Amino acid sequence: MNLLKKIQHWGDQHHPKWLDYFRIVLGVILIWKGITFYTNMEAFSHLMRGAMLGAAVSISLLAHLIIVMHILGGIAITLGTHTRLFCLLNLPILIGAVFFINISGGIFKPYAEFWLSSLVLTGLVCFIVEGNGILSVESEKAVS
């Protein structure tokens, strides 16, 4: 726990303002991907048709969990409230997206999702360390 306090203190002391803008863009991307995931549920519907009841329920729960975590996490990260928590909660989803879903789809194809997912994963790891920043709802410093 002492290591986490040191990381949090270091992140709070060394936080340039441009990282706040990157955090806001990261949150908006998560919201956008959550909405896109919701509007493209045909792939999950196709998976559920051929699966047994237990697997279909699991697939459905996983899909809805991803949507909720992306949208709520994206809103919280954009506003700068509980940034570390929501980055940590979205981390397993993005690890799965980068290493299991997108890498098998071909990373050098045009419009490959691998690079965007990798950038978002890198941003999540960055903000687990860095935290909210000055431009946030939970900012302890006044914006001048």
Protein backbone atom coordinates (compact mmCIF):
# COMPACT_ATOMS: atom_id res chain seq x y z
CA MET A 1 0.00 0.00 0.00
CA ASN A 2 2.94 2.31 0.67
CA LEU A 3 4.05 1.93 -2.95
CA LEU A 4 0.60 2.98 -4.18
CA LYS A 5 0.72 6.11 -2.00
CA LYS A 6 4.16 6.97 -3.41
CA ILE A 7 2.94 6.50 -6.99
CA GLN A 8 -0.14 8.62 -6.29
CA HIS A 9 1.94 11.39 -4.67
CA TRP A 10 4.45 11.40 -7.54
CA GLY A 11 1.63 11.51 -10.10
CA ASP A 12 -0.04 14.43 -8.31
CA GLN A 13 3.21 16.43 -8.15
CA HIS A 14 4.35 15.86 -11.77
CA HIS A 15 1.30 16.48 -13.90
CA PRO A 16 1.62 18.78 -16.95
CA LYS A 17 -1.54 20.45 -18.23
CA TRP A 18 -1.41 18.79 -21.67
CA LEU A 19 -2.00 15.44 -19.95
CA ASP A 20 -5.38 16.74 -18.81
CA TYR A 21 -6.38 17.29 -22.43
CA PHE A 22 -5.15 13.79 -23.29
CA ARG A 23 -7.23 12.43 -20.37
CA ILE A 24 -10.32 14.21 -21.70
CA VAL A 25 -9.76 12.82 -25.21
CA LEU A 26 -9.20 9.35 -23.74
CA GLY A 27 -12.53 9.56 -21.90
CA VAL A 28 -14.35 10.71 -25.04
CA ILE A 29 -12.82 7.82 -27.01
CA LEU A 30 -14.03 5.35 -24.36
CA ILE A 31 -17.55 6.82 -24.51
CA TRP A 32 -17.49 6.65 -28.30
CA LYS A 33 -16.28 3.03 -28.30
CA GLY A 34 -18.95 2.07 -25.74
CA ILE A 35 -21.69 3.58 -27.90
CA THR A 36 -20.22 1.97 -31.04
CA PHE A 37 -20.05 -1.37 -29.25
CA TYR A 38 -23.72 -1.00 -28.30
CA THR A 39 -24.83 -0.14 -31.83
CA ASN A 40 -22.90 -3.11 -33.31
CA MET A 41 -24.27 -5.94 -31.19
CA GLU A 42 -24.86 -8.17 -34.24
CA ALA A 43 -21.56 -9.99 -33.68
CA PHE A 44 -22.56 -10.92 -30.15
CA SER A 45 -26.04 -11.90 -31.28
CA HIS A 46 -24.45 -14.20 -33.86
CA LEU A 47 -22.21 -15.75 -31.17
CA MET A 48 -25.18 -16.27 -28.84
CA ARG A 49 -27.28 -18.04 -31.48
CA GLY A 50 -24.90 -20.98 -31.72
CA ALA A 51 -24.11 -21.19 -28.01
CA MET A 52 -25.73 -23.07 -25.18
CA LEU A 53 -27.83 -21.13 -22.68
CA GLY A 54 -25.05 -20.66 -20.12
CA ALA A 55 -22.55 -19.46 -22.70
CA ALA A 56 -25.13 -17.14 -24.29
CA VAL A 57 -25.91 -15.56 -20.93
CA SER A 58 -22.19 -15.15 -20.23
CA ILE A 59 -21.60 -13.52 -23.61
CA SER A 60 -24.53 -11.19 -23.05
CA LEU A 61 -23.36 -10.21 -19.56
CA LEU A 62 -19.82 -9.62 -20.81
CA ALA A 63 -21.03 -7.44 -23.67
CA HIS A 64 -23.20 -5.33 -21.38
CA LEU A 65 -20.39 -5.04 -18.83
CA ILE A 66 -18.04 -3.75 -21.53
CA ILE A 67 -20.60 -1.18 -22.67
CA VAL A 68 -21.32 0.07 -19.15
CA MET A 69 -17.63 0.21 -18.18
CA HIS A 70 -16.68 2.11 -21.34
CA ILE A 71 -19.49 4.65 -21.07
CA LEU A 72 -19.39 5.24 -17.29
CA GLY A 73 -15.61 5.03 -17.20
CA GLY A 74 -15.33 7.39 -20.15
CA ILE A 75 -17.59 9.94 -18.47
CA ALA A 76 -15.68 9.72 -15.18
CA ILE A 77 -12.27 9.93 -16.90
CA THR A 78 -13.40 12.89 -19.01
CA LEU A 79 -14.66 14.76 -15.94
CA GLY A 80 -11.63 13.72 -13.90
CA THR A 81 -13.46 12.01 -11.08
CA HIS A 82 -12.16 8.68 -9.76
CA THR A 83 -9.82 8.51 -12.74
CA ARG A 84 -7.49 5.89 -11.32
CA LEU A 85 -10.39 3.62 -10.35
CA PHE A 86 -12.10 3.73 -13.75
CA CYS A 87 -8.78 3.34 -15.60
CA LEU A 88 -8.11 0.26 -13.49
CA LEU A 89 -11.61 -1.13 -14.20
CA ASN A 90 -11.23 -0.58 -17.96
CA LEU A 91 -7.73 -2.07 -18.04
CA PRO A 92 -8.75 -5.78 -18.37
CA ILE A 93 -11.19 -4.91 -21.16
CA LEU A 94 -8.48 -3.12 -23.15
CA ILE A 95 -5.91 -5.84 -22.49
CA GLY A 96 -8.40 -8.33 -23.94
CA ALA A 97 -9.10 -6.05 -26.88
CA VAL A 98 -5.44 -5.49 -27.72
CA PHE A 99 -3.99 -8.95 -27.17
CA PHE A 100 -6.89 -11.27 -27.99
CA ILE A 101 -9.29 -9.48 -30.33
CA ASN A 102 -7.42 -6.88 -32.39
CA ILE A 103 -4.08 -8.62 -32.83
CA SER A 104 -5.80 -11.55 -34.57
CA GLY A 105 -7.59 -9.17 -36.93
CA GLY A 106 -4.39 -8.06 -38.61
CA ILE A 107 -2.57 -5.02 -37.27
CA PHE A 108 -1.41 -3.72 -40.64
CA LYS A 109 -4.78 -3.68 -42.36
CA PRO A 110 -6.29 -0.31 -43.20
CA TYR A 111 -8.41 1.06 -40.35
CA ALA A 112 -7.04 -1.53 -37.92
CA GLU A 113 -8.43 -1.10 -34.40
CA PHE A 114 -5.20 -2.43 -32.90
CA TRP A 115 -3.45 0.94 -32.88
CA LEU A 116 -6.35 2.83 -31.31
CA SER A 117 -6.79 0.11 -28.68
CA SER A 118 -3.06 0.17 -27.94
CA LEU A 119 -3.11 3.94 -27.54
CA VAL A 120 -6.11 3.76 -25.20
CA LEU A 121 -4.43 0.97 -23.20
CA THR A 122 -1.29 3.11 -22.88
CA GLY A 123 -3.41 6.07 -21.79
CA LEU A 124 -5.16 3.99 -19.13
CA VAL A 125 -1.84 2.83 -17.69
CA CYS A 126 -0.57 6.42 -17.76
CA PHE A 127 -3.57 7.75 -15.83
CA ILE A 128 -3.45 4.96 -13.27
CA VAL A 129 -0.11 6.54 -12.32
CA GLU A 130 -0.84 10.20 -13.07
CA GLY A 131 -4.37 10.54 -11.73
CA ASN A 132 -6.82 13.38 -12.38
CA GLY A 133 -4.73 16.50 -12.88
CA ILE A 134 -5.61 20.16 -12.60
CA LEU A 135 -8.53 20.23 -15.07
CA SER A 136 -10.82 17.89 -13.19
CA VAL A 137 -13.88 17.84 -10.98
CA GLU A 138 -11.82 16.55 -8.04
CA SER A 139 -8.93 18.98 -8.50
CA GLU A 140 -7.37 20.16 -5.27
CA LYS A 141 -5.71 23.14 -6.94
CA ALA A 142 -7.64 26.09 -8.32
CA VAL A 143 -7.36 26.66 -12.05
CA SER A 144 -5.77 30.03 -12.69
